[in-house]
Amino acid sequence: MDRPGSPQYPREPVLDLEVRAAVIEWRGPAPFYWLPLGEEDSDELAARPELSYGWGCVPVMVTIGETEYYTALMPKDGRYLVPLKVAVRRAEQIDLGDVIEARVEVLAPR
């Protein structure tokens, strides 16, 4: 996978966060699993609106175990949430309620 800073993905990380939390479920139109950021990290992101490309979404590169993927943090109820895609959950054997660790590299929006 191309890393931030590579020719295919020229943005360098603005913030580098280490997250450890329990996986939660948010039932919207379809159930989805999320990793909530801590209050301090969420407050820091909320105080930096220039990091959002719109609607509070913040582009990130996430590393969980051996899996890396690009996504966007979503704001909800004063916290930011990392979406946990089905492919990631399967690859890393993640289930609802599991406490997991992730590296979250916050990227400047394009």
PDB file of N, CA and C in Angstrom:
ATOM      1  N   MET A   1       0.855  -1.181   0.000  1.00  0.00           N
ATOM      2  CA  MET A   1       0.000   0.000   0.000  1.00  0.00           C
ATOM      3  C   MET A   1       0.896   1.237   0.000  1.00  0.00           C
ATOM      4  N   ASP A   2       0.491   2.239  -0.743  1.00  0.00           N
ATOM      5  CA  ASP A   2       1.233   3.490  -0.776  1.00  0.00           C
ATOM      6  C   ASP A   2       1.060   4.220   0.542  1.00  0.00           C
ATOM      7  N   ARG A   3       2.151   4.690   1.071  1.00  0.00           N
ATOM      8  CA  ARG A   3       2.152   5.406   2.334  1.00  0.00           C
ATOM      9  C   ARG A   3       2.020   6.903   2.072  1.00  0.00           C
ATOM     10  N   PRO A   4       1.506   7.658   3.057  1.00  0.00           N
ATOM     11  CA  PRO A   4       1.529   9.113   2.919  1.00  0.00           C
ATOM     12  C   PRO A   4       2.956   9.566   2.615  1.00  0.00           C
ATOM     13  N   GLY A   5       3.073  10.489   1.701  1.00  0.00           N
ATOM     14  CA  GLY A   5       4.384  10.986   1.308  1.00  0.00           C
ATOM     15  C   GLY A   5       4.915  10.314   0.051  1.00  0.00           C
ATOM     16  N   SER A   6       4.329   9.189  -0.361  1.00  0.00           N
ATOM     17  CA  SER A   6       4.769   8.526  -1.584  1.00  0.00           C
ATOM     18  C   SER A   6       4.239   9.315  -2.786  1.00  0.00           C
ATOM     19  N   PRO A   7       4.814   9.094  -3.972  1.00  0.00           N
ATOM     20  CA  PRO A   7       4.325   9.827  -5.146  1.00  0.00           C
ATOM     21  C   PRO A   7       2.832   9.621  -5.400  1.00  0.00           C
ATOM     22  N   GLN A   8       2.304   8.448  -5.072  1.00  0.00           N
ATOM     23  CA  GLN A   8       0.889   8.183  -5.292  1.00  0.00           C
ATOM     24  C   GLN A   8       0.013   8.821  -4.218  1.00  0.00           C
ATOM     25  N   TYR A   9       0.624   9.135  -3.094  1.00  0.00           N
ATOM     26  CA  TYR A   9      -0.144   9.718  -1.983  1.00  0.00           C
ATOM     27  C   TYR A   9       0.732  10.768  -1.314  1.00  0.00           C
ATOM     28  N   PRO A  10       0.766  11.991  -1.880  1.00  0.00           N
ATOM     29  CA  PRO A  10       1.771  12.973  -1.492  1.00  0.00           C
ATOM     30  C   PRO A  10       1.591  13.657  -0.141  1.00  0.00           C
ATOM     31  N   ARG A  11       0.515  13.401   0.593  1.00  0.00           N
ATOM     32  CA  ARG A  11       0.307  14.117   1.852  1.00  0.00           C
ATOM     33  C   ARG A  11       1.079  13.478   3.006  1.00  0.00           C
ATOM     34  N   GLU A  12       1.685  14.305   3.810  1.00  0.00           N
ATOM     35  CA  GLU A  12       2.365  13.842   5.025  1.00  0.00           C
ATOM     36  C   GLU A  12       1.380  13.905   6.184  1.00  0.00           C
ATOM     37  N   PRO A  13       1.530  13.011   7.167  1.00  0.00           N
ATOM     38  CA  PRO A  13       0.642  13.071   8.339  1.00  0.00           C
ATOM     39  C   PRO A  13       0.789  14.393   9.087  1.00  0.00           C
ATOM     40  N   VAL A  14      -0.333  14.927   9.533  1.00  0.00           N
ATOM     41  CA  VAL A  14      -0.362  16.152  10.325  1.00  0.00           C
ATOM     42  C   VAL A  14      -0.291  15.799  11.805  1.00  0.00           C
ATOM     43  N   LEU A  15      -0.979  14.738  12.187  1.00  0.00           N
ATOM     44  CA  LEU A  15      -0.978  14.224  13.560  1.00  0.00           C
ATOM     45  C   LEU A  15      -0.826  12.715  13.505  1.00  0.00           C
ATOM     46  N   ASP A  16      -0.192  12.161  14.525  1.00  0.00           N
ATOM     47  CA  ASP A  16      -0.027  10.715  14.632  1.00  0.00           C
ATOM     48  C   ASP A  16      -0.615  10.298  15.975  1.00  0.00           C
ATOM     49  N   LEU A  17      -1.718   9.557  15.942  1.00  0.00           N
ATOM     50  CA  LEU A  17      -2.427   9.190  17.164  1.00  0.00           C
ATOM     51  C   LEU A  17      -2.340   7.689  17.408  1.00  0.00           C
ATOM     52  N   GLU A  18      -2.197   7.311  18.660  1.00  0.00           N
ATOM     53  CA  GLU A  18      -2.271   5.912  19.071  1.00  0.00           C
ATOM     54  C   GLU A  18      -3.584   5.750  19.821  1.00  0.00           C
ATOM     55  N   VAL A  19      -4.409   4.821  19.369  1.00  0.00           N
ATOM     56  CA  VAL A  19      -5.746   4.643  19.932  1.00  0.00           C
ATOM     57  C   VAL A  19      -5.864   3.237  20.507  1.00  0.00           C
ATOM     58  N   ARG A  20      -6.431   3.142  21.690  1.00  0.00           N
ATOM     59  CA  ARG A  20      -6.757   1.849  22.307  1.00  0.00           C
ATOM     60  C   ARG A  20      -8.157   2.000  22.884  1.00  0.00           C
ATOM     61  N   ALA A  21      -9.095   1.219  22.352  1.00  0.00           N
ATOM     62  CA  ALA A  21     -10.490   1.345  22.781  1.00  0.00           C
ATOM     63  C   ALA A  21     -11.256   0.084  22.401  1.00  0.00           C
ATOM     64  N   ALA A  22     -12.468  -0.009  22.927  1.00  0.00           N
ATOM     65  CA  ALA A  22     -13.363  -1.118  22.600  1.00  0.00           C
ATOM     66  C   ALA A  22     -14.145  -0.793  21.332  1.00  0.00           C
ATOM     67  N   VAL A  23     -14.311  -1.782  20.487  1.00  0.00           N
ATOM     68  CA  VAL A  23     -15.076  -1.642  19.250  1.00  0.00           C
ATOM     69  C   VAL A  23     -16.558  -1.488  19.597  1.00  0.00           C
ATOM     70  N   ILE A  24     -17.185  -0.492  18.958  1.00  0.00           N
ATOM     71  CA  ILE A  24     -18.611  -0.248  19.189  1.00  0.00           C
ATOM     72  C   ILE A  24     -19.379  -0.429  17.885  1.00  0.00           C
ATOM     73  N   GLU A  25     -20.688  -0.534  18.007  1.00  0.00           N
ATOM     74  CA  GLU A  25     -21.553  -0.638  16.840  1.00  0.00           C
ATOM     75  C   GLU A  25     -22.448   0.590  16.799  1.00  0.00           C
ATOM     76  N   TRP A  26     -22.602   1.143  15.609  1.00  0.00           N
ATOM     77  CA  TRP A  26     -23.509   2.266  15.408  1.00  0.00           C
ATOM     78  C   TRP A  26     -24.500   1.820  14.349  1.00  0.00           C
ATOM     79  N   ARG A  27     -25.726   1.703  14.742  1.00  0.00           N
ATOM     80  CA  ARG A  27     -26.756   1.238  13.806  1.00  0.00           C
ATOM     81  C   ARG A  27     -27.377   2.435  13.102  1.00  0.00           C
ATOM     82  N   GLY A  28     -26.999   2.588  11.866  1.00  0.00           N
ATOM     83  CA  GLY A  28     -27.617   3.591  11.015  1.00  0.00           C
ATOM     84  C   GLY A  28     -28.474   2.841  10.016  1.00  0.00           C
ATOM     85  N   PRO A  29     -28.432   3.248   8.750  1.00  0.00           N
ATOM     86  CA  PRO A  29     -29.154   2.491   7.736  1.00  0.00           C
ATOM     87  C   PRO A  29     -28.672   1.031   7.682  1.00  0.00           C
ATOM     88  N   ALA A  30     -27.400   0.817   8.018  1.00  0.00           N
ATOM     89  CA  ALA A  30     -26.835  -0.534   8.122  1.00  0.00           C
ATOM     90  C   ALA A  30     -25.901  -0.528   9.325  1.00  0.00           C
ATOM     91  N   PRO A  31     -25.817  -1.635  10.044  1.00  0.00           N
ATOM     92  CA  PRO A  31     -24.905  -1.649  11.195  1.00  0.00           C
ATOM     93  C   PRO A  31     -23.462  -1.529  10.732  1.00  0.00           C
ATOM     94  N   PHE A  32     -22.670  -0.828  11.502  1.00  0.00           N
ATOM     95  CA  PHE A  32     -21.264  -0.643  11.177  1.00  0.00           C
ATOM     96  C   PHE A  32     -20.476  -0.612  12.468  1.00  0.00           C
ATOM     97  N   TYR A  33     -19.235  -1.059  12.410  1.00  0.00           N
ATOM     98  CA  TYR A  33     -18.380  -1.093  13.592  1.00  0.00           C
ATOM     99  C   TYR A  33     -17.387   0.057  13.546  1.00  0.00           C
ATOM    100  N   TRP A  34     -17.090   0.573  14.734  1.00  0.00           N
ATOM    101  CA  TRP A  34     -16.262   1.772  14.858  1.00  0.00           C
ATOM    102  C   TRP A  34     -15.308   1.635  16.033  1.00  0.00           C
ATOM    103  N   LEU A  35     -14.207   2.355  15.952  1.00  0.00           N
ATOM    104  CA  LEU A  35     -13.262   2.481  17.055  1.00  0.00           C
ATOM    105  C   LEU A  35     -13.284   3.944  17.484  1.00  0.00           C
ATOM    106  N   PRO A  36     -13.767   4.240  18.699  1.00  0.00           N
ATOM    107  CA  PRO A  36     -13.841   5.644  19.124  1.00  0.00           C
ATOM    108  C   PRO A  36     -12.477   6.181  19.563  1.00  0.00           C
ATOM    109  N   LEU A  37     -12.176   7.397  19.150  1.00  0.00           N
ATOM    110  CA  LEU A  37     -10.996   8.082  19.651  1.00  0.00           C
ATOM    111  C   LEU A  37     -11.279   8.566  21.061  1.00  0.00           C
ATOM    112  N   GLY A  38     -10.227   8.773  21.827  1.00  0.00           N
ATOM    113  CA  GLY A  38     -10.378   9.295  23.175  1.00  0.00           C
ATOM    114  C   GLY A  38     -10.849  10.738  23.163  1.00  0.00           C
ATOM    115  N   GLU A  39     -11.288  11.184  24.306  1.00  0.00           N
ATOM    116  CA  GLU A  39     -11.825  12.538  24.436  1.00  0.00           C
ATOM    117  C   GLU A  39     -10.782  13.596  24.085  1.00  0.00           C
ATOM    118  N   GLU A  40      -9.560  13.419  24.572  1.00  0.00           N
ATOM    119  CA  GLU A  40      -8.502  14.410  24.322  1.00  0.00           C
ATOM    120  C   GLU A  40      -8.181  14.517  22.828  1.00  0.00           C
ATOM    121  N   ASP A  41      -8.017  13.371  22.163  1.00  0.00           N
ATOM    122  CA  ASP A  41      -7.740  13.392  20.722  1.00  0.00           C
ATOM    123  C   ASP A  41      -8.914  13.980  19.945  1.00  0.00           C
ATOM    124  N   SER A  42     -10.131  13.632  20.343  1.00  0.00           N
ATOM    125  CA  SER A  42     -11.324  14.169  19.674  1.00  0.00           C
ATOM    126  C   SER A  42     -11.416  15.678  19.846  1.00  0.00           C
ATOM    127  N   ASP A  43     -11.124  16.162  21.045  1.00  0.00           N
ATOM    128  CA  ASP A  43     -11.151  17.607  21.291  1.00  0.00           C
ATOM    129  C   ASP A  43     -10.116  18.330  20.437  1.00  0.00           C
ATOM    130  N   GLU A  44      -8.923  17.732  20.304  1.00  0.00           N
ATOM    131  CA  GLU A  44      -7.878  18.353  19.490  1.00  0.00           C
ATOM    132  C   GLU A  44      -8.314  18.443  18.025  1.00  0.00           C
ATOM    133  N   LEU A  45      -8.910  17.389  17.510  1.00  0.00           N
ATOM    134  CA  LEU A  45      -9.386  17.418  16.120  1.00  0.00           C
ATOM    135  C   LEU A  45     -10.513  18.422  15.929  1.00  0.00           C
ATOM    136  N   ALA A  46     -11.429  18.483  16.882  1.00  0.00           N
ATOM    137  CA  ALA A  46     -12.551  19.424  16.787  1.00  0.00           C
ATOM    138  C   ALA A  46     -12.064  20.872  16.799  1.00  0.00           C
ATOM    139  N   ALA A  47     -10.943  21.115  17.471  1.00  0.00           N
ATOM    140  CA  ALA A  47     -10.384  22.466  17.559  1.00  0.00           C
ATOM    141  C   ALA A  47      -9.601  22.850  16.300  1.00  0.00           C
ATOM    142  N   ARG A  48      -9.468  21.913  15.359  1.00  0.00           N
ATOM    143  CA  ARG A  48      -8.708  22.174  14.134  1.00  0.00           C
ATOM    144  C   ARG A  48      -9.578  21.913  12.899  1.00  0.00           C
ATOM    145  N   PRO A  49     -10.549  22.800  12.653  1.00  0.00           N
ATOM    146  CA  PRO A  49     -11.473  22.575  11.527  1.00  0.00           C
ATOM    147  C   PRO A  49     -10.778  22.520  10.169  1.00  0.00           C
ATOM    148  N   GLU A  50      -9.567  23.040  10.069  1.00  0.00           N
ATOM    149  CA  GLU A  50      -8.853  23.005   8.786  1.00  0.00           C
ATOM    150  C   GLU A  50      -8.486  21.573   8.382  1.00  0.00           C
ATOM    151  N   LEU A  51      -8.560  20.629   9.317  1.00  0.00           N
ATOM    152  CA  LEU A  51      -8.245  19.234   9.003  1.00  0.00           C
ATOM    153  C   LEU A  51      -9.420  18.493   8.363  1.00  0.00           C
ATOM    154  N   SER A  52     -10.597  19.095   8.390  1.00  0.00           N
ATOM    155  CA  SER A  52     -11.791  18.455   7.832  1.00  0.00           C
ATOM    156  C   SER A  52     -11.987  18.863   6.377  1.00  0.00           C
ATOM    157  N   TYR A  53     -12.423  17.908   5.569  1.00  0.00           N
ATOM    158  CA  TYR A  53     -12.762  18.242   4.180  1.00  0.00           C
ATOM    159  C   TYR A  53     -14.247  18.532   4.032  1.00  0.00           C
ATOM    160  N   GLY A  54     -14.983  18.491   5.119  1.00  0.00           N
ATOM    161  CA  GLY A  54     -16.404  18.816   5.097  1.00  0.00           C
ATOM    162  C   GLY A  54     -17.188  17.927   6.032  1.00  0.00           C
ATOM    163  N   TRP A  55     -18.232  18.451   6.590  1.00  0.00           N
ATOM    164  CA  TRP A  55     -19.120  17.738   7.506  1.00  0.00           C
ATOM    165  C   TRP A  55     -18.381  17.164   8.716  1.00  0.00           C
ATOM    166  N   GLY A  56     -17.217  17.707   9.025  1.00  0.00           N
ATOM    167  CA  GLY A  56     -16.436  17.235  10.163  1.00  0.00           C
ATOM    168  C   GLY A  56     -15.591  16.012   9.885  1.00  0.00           C
ATOM    169  N   CYS A  57     -15.638  15.473   8.674  1.00  0.00           N
ATOM    170  CA  CYS A  57     -14.868  14.271   8.328  1.00  0.00           C
ATOM    171  C   CYS A  57     -13.390  14.620   8.162  1.00  0.00           C
ATOM    172  N   VAL A  58     -12.528  13.758   8.691  1.00  0.00           N
ATOM    173  CA  VAL A  58     -11.088  14.003   8.692  1.00  0.00           C
ATOM    174  C   VAL A  58     -10.384  12.824   8.014  1.00  0.00           C
ATOM    175  N   PRO A  59      -9.615  13.068   6.936  1.00  0.00           N
ATOM    176  CA  PRO A  59      -8.929  11.972   6.250  1.00  0.00           C
ATOM    177  C   PRO A  59      -7.801  11.393   7.108  1.00  0.00           C
ATOM    178  N   VAL A  60      -7.700  10.063   7.109  1.00  0.00           N
ATOM    179  CA  VAL A  60      -6.690   9.382   7.922  1.00  0.00           C
ATOM    180  C   VAL A  60      -6.180   8.131   7.214  1.00  0.00           C
ATOM    181  N   MET A  61      -5.008   7.699   7.648  1.00  0.00           N
ATOM    182  CA  MET A  61      -4.451   6.387   7.312  1.00  0.00           C
ATOM    183  C   MET A  61      -4.459   5.617   8.623  1.00  0.00           C
ATOM    184  N   VAL A  62      -5.049   4.435   8.635  1.00  0.00           N
ATOM    185  CA  VAL A  62      -5.192   3.644   9.854  1.00  0.00           C
ATOM    186  C   VAL A  62      -4.375   2.362   9.717  1.00  0.00           C
ATOM    187  N   THR A  63      -3.664   2.005  10.780  1.00  0.00           N
ATOM    188  CA  THR A  63      -2.948   0.738  10.837  1.00  0.00           C
ATOM    189  C   THR A  63      -3.453  -0.034  12.042  1.00  0.00           C
ATOM    190  N   ILE A  64      -3.972  -1.232  11.785  1.00  0.00           N
ATOM    191  CA  ILE A  64      -4.409  -2.144  12.837  1.00  0.00           C
ATOM    192  C   ILE A  64      -3.734  -3.476  12.548  1.00  0.00           C
ATOM    193  N   GLY A  65      -2.873  -3.903  13.443  1.00  0.00           N
ATOM    194  CA  GLY A  65      -2.128  -5.141  13.195  1.00  0.00           C
ATOM    195  C   GLY A  65      -1.319  -5.008  11.924  1.00  0.00           C
ATOM    196  N   GLU A  66      -1.546  -5.922  10.978  1.00  0.00           N
ATOM    197  CA  GLU A  66      -0.835  -5.906   9.694  1.00  0.00           C
ATOM    198  C   GLU A  66      -1.622  -5.185   8.597  1.00  0.00           C
ATOM    199  N   THR A  67      -2.764  -4.642   8.948  1.00  0.00           N
ATOM    200  CA  THR A  67      -3.661  -4.042   7.954  1.00  0.00           C
ATOM    201  C   THR A  67      -3.572  -2.522   7.977  1.00  0.00           C
ATOM    202  N   GLU A  68      -3.387  -1.928   6.796  1.00  0.00           N
ATOM    203  CA  GLU A  68      -3.376  -0.471   6.634  1.00  0.00           C
ATOM    204  C   GLU A  68      -4.470  -0.095   5.642  1.00  0.00           C
ATOM    205  N   TYR A  69      -5.149   1.005   5.931  1.00  0.00           N
ATOM    206  CA  TYR A  69      -6.169   1.462   4.989  1.00  0.00           C
ATOM    207  C   TYR A  69      -6.448   2.947   5.187  1.00  0.00           C
ATOM    208  N   TYR A  70      -6.903   3.583   4.089  1.00  0.00           N
ATOM    209  CA  TYR A  70      -7.300   4.982   4.126  1.00  0.00           C
ATOM    210  C   TYR A  70      -8.790   5.052   4.381  1.00  0.00           C
ATOM    211  N   THR A  71      -9.194   6.019   5.194  1.00  0.00           N
ATOM    212  CA  THR A  71     -10.600   6.227   5.484  1.00  0.00           C
ATOM    213  C   THR A  71     -10.751   7.653   6.005  1.00  0.00           C
ATOM    214  N   ALA A  72     -11.866   7.944   6.603  1.00  0.00           N
ATOM    215  CA  ALA A  72     -12.082   9.257   7.213  1.00  0.00           C
ATOM    216  C   ALA A  72     -12.737   9.065   8.572  1.00  0.00           C
ATOM    217  N   LEU A  73     -12.249   9.818   9.542  1.00  0.00           N
ATOM    218  CA  LEU A  73     -12.883   9.835  10.858  1.00  0.00           C
ATOM    219  C   LEU A  73     -14.224  10.526  10.729  1.00  0.00           C
ATOM    220  N   MET A  74     -15.201  10.036  11.449  1.00  0.00           N
ATOM    221  CA  MET A  74     -16.537  10.625  11.447  1.00  0.00           C
ATOM    222  C   MET A  74     -16.845  11.171  12.834  1.00  0.00           C
ATOM    223  N   PRO A  75     -17.366  12.394  12.919  1.00  0.00           N
ATOM    224  CA  PRO A  75     -17.733  12.924  14.236  1.00  0.00           C
ATOM    225  C   PRO A  75     -19.094  12.383  14.676  1.00  0.00           C
ATOM    226  N   LYS A  76     -19.207  12.047  15.965  1.00  0.00           N
ATOM    227  CA  LYS A  76     -20.497  11.618  16.515  1.00  0.00           C
ATOM    228  C   LYS A  76     -20.485  11.845  18.017  1.00  0.00           C
ATOM    229  N   ASP A  77     -21.446  12.622  18.484  1.00  0.00           N
ATOM    230  CA  ASP A  77     -21.631  12.862  19.923  1.00  0.00           C
ATOM    231  C   ASP A  77     -20.356  13.341  20.619  1.00  0.00           C
ATOM    232  N   GLY A  78     -19.630  14.267  19.982  1.00  0.00           N
ATOM    233  CA  GLY A  78     -18.447  14.853  20.597  1.00  0.00           C
ATOM    234  C   GLY A  78     -17.184  14.026  20.482  1.00  0.00           C
ATOM    235  N   ARG A  79     -17.252  12.902  19.822  1.00  0.00           N
ATOM    236  CA  ARG A  79     -16.080  12.049  19.613  1.00  0.00           C
ATOM    237  C   ARG A  79     -15.897  11.815  18.116  1.00  0.00           C
ATOM    238  N   TYR A  80     -14.691  11.441  17.753  1.00  0.00           N
ATOM    239  CA  TYR A  80     -14.433  11.002  16.386  1.00  0.00           C
ATOM    240  C   TYR A  80     -14.347   9.489  16.385  1.00  0.00           C
ATOM    241  N   LEU A  81     -14.869   8.880  15.318  1.00  0.00           N
ATOM    242  CA  LEU A  81     -14.914   7.430  15.199  1.00  0.00           C
ATOM    243  C   LEU A  81     -14.126   6.977  13.977  1.00  0.00           C
ATOM    244  N   VAL A  82     -13.352   5.896  14.149  1.00  0.00           N
ATOM    245  CA  VAL A  82     -12.634   5.262  13.047  1.00  0.00           C
ATOM    246  C   VAL A  82     -13.529   4.156  12.486  1.00  0.00           C
ATOM    247  N   PRO A  83     -13.930   4.232  11.215  1.00  0.00           N
ATOM    248  CA  PRO A  83     -14.722   3.146  10.642  1.00  0.00           C
ATOM    249  C   PRO A  83     -13.872   1.880  10.507  1.00  0.00           C
ATOM    250  N   LEU A  84     -14.439   0.754  10.910  1.00  0.00           N
ATOM    251  CA  LEU A  84     -13.753  -0.535  10.796  1.00  0.00           C
ATOM    252  C   LEU A  84     -14.432  -1.336   9.683  1.00  0.00           C
ATOM    253  N   LYS A  85     -13.833  -1.305   8.519  1.00  0.00           N
ATOM    254  CA  LYS A  85     -14.396  -1.982   7.353  1.00  0.00           C
ATOM    255  C   LYS A  85     -14.458  -3.492   7.588  1.00  0.00           C
ATOM    256  N   VAL A  86     -15.398  -4.146   6.929  1.00  0.00           N
ATOM    257  CA  VAL A  86     -15.565  -5.594   7.069  1.00  0.00           C
ATOM    258  C   VAL A  86     -14.260  -6.323   6.742  1.00  0.00           C
ATOM    259  N   ALA A  87     -13.594  -5.934   5.664  1.00  0.00           N
ATOM    260  CA  ALA A  87     -12.347  -6.598   5.271  1.00  0.00           C
ATOM    261  C   ALA A  87     -11.286  -6.472   6.362  1.00  0.00           C
ATOM    262  N   VAL A  88     -11.232  -5.330   7.019  1.00  0.00           N
ATOM    263  CA  VAL A  88     -10.268  -5.113   8.106  1.00  0.00           C
ATOM    264  C   VAL A  88     -10.634  -5.986   9.302  1.00  0.00           C
ATOM    265  N   ARG A  89     -11.909  -5.994   9.659  1.00  0.00           N
ATOM    266  CA  ARG A  89     -12.354  -6.803  10.804  1.00  0.00           C
ATOM    267  C   ARG A  89     -12.067  -8.281  10.568  1.00  0.00           C
ATOM    268  N   ARG A  90     -12.306  -8.745   9.373  1.00  0.00           N
ATOM    269  CA  ARG A  90     -12.030 -10.157   9.061  1.00  0.00           C
ATOM    270  C   ARG A  90     -10.535 -10.449   9.108  1.00  0.00           C
ATOM    271  N   ALA A  91      -9.742  -9.596   8.479  1.00  0.00           N
ATOM    272  CA  ALA A  91      -8.294  -9.816   8.418  1.00  0.00           C
ATOM    273  C   ALA A  91      -7.658  -9.821   9.805  1.00  0.00           C
ATOM    274  N   GLU A  92      -8.155  -8.972  10.686  1.00  0.00           N
ATOM    275  CA  GLU A  92      -7.569  -8.838  12.024  1.00  0.00           C
ATOM    276  C   GLU A  92      -8.399  -9.549  13.102  1.00  0.00           C
ATOM    277  N   GLN A  93      -9.436 -10.265  12.680  1.00  0.00           N
ATOM    278  CA  GLN A  93     -10.304 -11.029  13.596  1.00  0.00           C
ATOM    279  C   GLN A  93     -10.844 -10.145  14.725  1.00  0.00           C
ATOM    280  N   ILE A  94     -11.463  -9.046  14.329  1.00  0.00           N
ATOM    281  CA  ILE A  94     -12.008  -8.058  15.268  1.00  0.00           C
ATOM    282  C   ILE A  94     -13.511  -8.254  15.374  1.00  0.00           C
ATOM    283  N   ASP A  95     -14.013  -8.224  16.602  1.00  0.00           N
ATOM    284  CA  ASP A  95     -15.451  -8.361  16.823  1.00  0.00           C
ATOM    285  C   ASP A  95     -15.930  -7.256  17.759  1.00  0.00           C
ATOM    286  N   LEU A  96     -17.218  -7.087  17.814  1.00  0.00           N
ATOM    287  CA  LEU A  96     -17.849  -6.096  18.679  1.00  0.00           C
ATOM    288  C   LEU A  96     -17.382  -6.287  20.120  1.00  0.00           C
ATOM    289  N   GLY A  97     -16.966  -5.191  20.762  1.00  0.00           N
ATOM    290  CA  GLY A  97     -16.533  -5.221  22.149  1.00  0.00           C
ATOM    291  C   GLY A  97     -15.059  -5.511  22.350  1.00  0.00           C
ATOM    292  N   ASP A  98     -14.367  -5.986  21.312  1.00  0.00           N
ATOM    293  CA  ASP A  98     -12.928  -6.235  21.436  1.00  0.00           C
ATOM    294  C   ASP A  98     -12.203  -4.926  21.710  1.00  0.00           C
ATOM    295  N   VAL A  99     -11.217  -4.970  22.584  1.00  0.00           N
ATOM    296  CA  VAL A  99     -10.354  -3.815  22.813  1.00  0.00           C
ATOM    297  C   VAL A  99      -9.170  -3.973  21.868  1.00  0.00           C
ATOM    298  N   ILE A 100      -9.006  -2.992  20.982  1.00  0.00           N
ATOM    299  CA  ILE A 100      -7.940  -3.070  19.988  1.00  0.00           C
ATOM    300  C   ILE A 100      -7.100  -1.798  20.012  1.00  0.00           C
ATOM    301  N   GLU A 101      -5.940  -1.901  19.386  1.00  0.00           N
ATOM    302  CA  GLU A 101      -5.042  -0.753  19.244  1.00  0.00           C
ATOM    303  C   GLU A 101      -4.921  -0.409  17.771  1.00  0.00           C
ATOM    304  N   ALA A 102      -4.830   0.887  17.507  1.00  0.00           N
ATOM    305  CA  ALA A 102      -4.685   1.350  16.129  1.00  0.00           C
ATOM    306  C   ALA A 102      -3.781   2.570  16.095  1.00  0.00           C
ATOM    307  N   ARG A 103      -3.049   2.683  15.016  1.00  0.00           N
ATOM    308  CA  ARG A 103      -2.308   3.912  14.729  1.00  0.00           C
ATOM    309  C   ARG A 103      -3.153   4.682  13.731  1.00  0.00           C
ATOM    310  N   VAL A 104      -3.416   5.941  14.043  1.00  0.00           N
ATOM    311  CA  VAL A 104      -4.248   6.783  13.187  1.00  0.00           C
ATOM    312  C   VAL A 104      -3.416   7.995  12.781  1.00  0.00           C
ATOM    313  N   GLU A 105      -3.069   8.054  11.491  1.00  0.00           N
ATOM    314  CA  GLU A 105      -2.304   9.177  10.960  1.00  0.00           C
ATOM    315  C   GLU A 105      -3.289  10.151  10.319  1.00  0.00           C
ATOM    316  N   VAL A 106      -3.410  11.321  10.904  1.00  0.00           N
ATOM    317  CA  VAL A 106      -4.318  12.342  10.388  1.00  0.00           C
ATOM    318  C   VAL A 106      -3.627  13.042   9.223  1.00  0.00           C
ATOM    319  N   LEU A 107      -4.330  13.124   8.101  1.00  0.00           N
ATOM    320  CA  LEU A 107      -3.782  13.705   6.881  1.00  0.00           C
ATOM    321  C   LEU A 107      -4.451  15.037   6.585  1.00  0.00           C
ATOM    322  N   ALA A 108      -3.708  15.934   5.978  1.00  0.00           N
ATOM    323  CA  ALA A 108      -4.300  17.204   5.554  1.00  0.00           C
ATOM    324  C   ALA A 108      -5.274  16.921   4.418  1.00  0.00           C
ATOM    325  N   PRO A 109      -6.434  17.567   4.429  1.00  0.00           N
ATOM    326  CA  PRO A 109      -7.369  17.343   3.318  1.00  0.00           C
ATOM    327  C   PRO A 109      -6.795  17.882   2.016  1.00  0.00           C
ATOM    328  N   ARG A 110      -7.238  17.319   0.922  1.00  0.00           N
ATOM    329  CA  ARG A 110      -6.757  17.766  -0.406  1.00  0.00           C
ATOM    330  C   ARG A 110      -7.387  19.081  -0.763  1.00  0.00           C
TER     331      ARG A 110
END
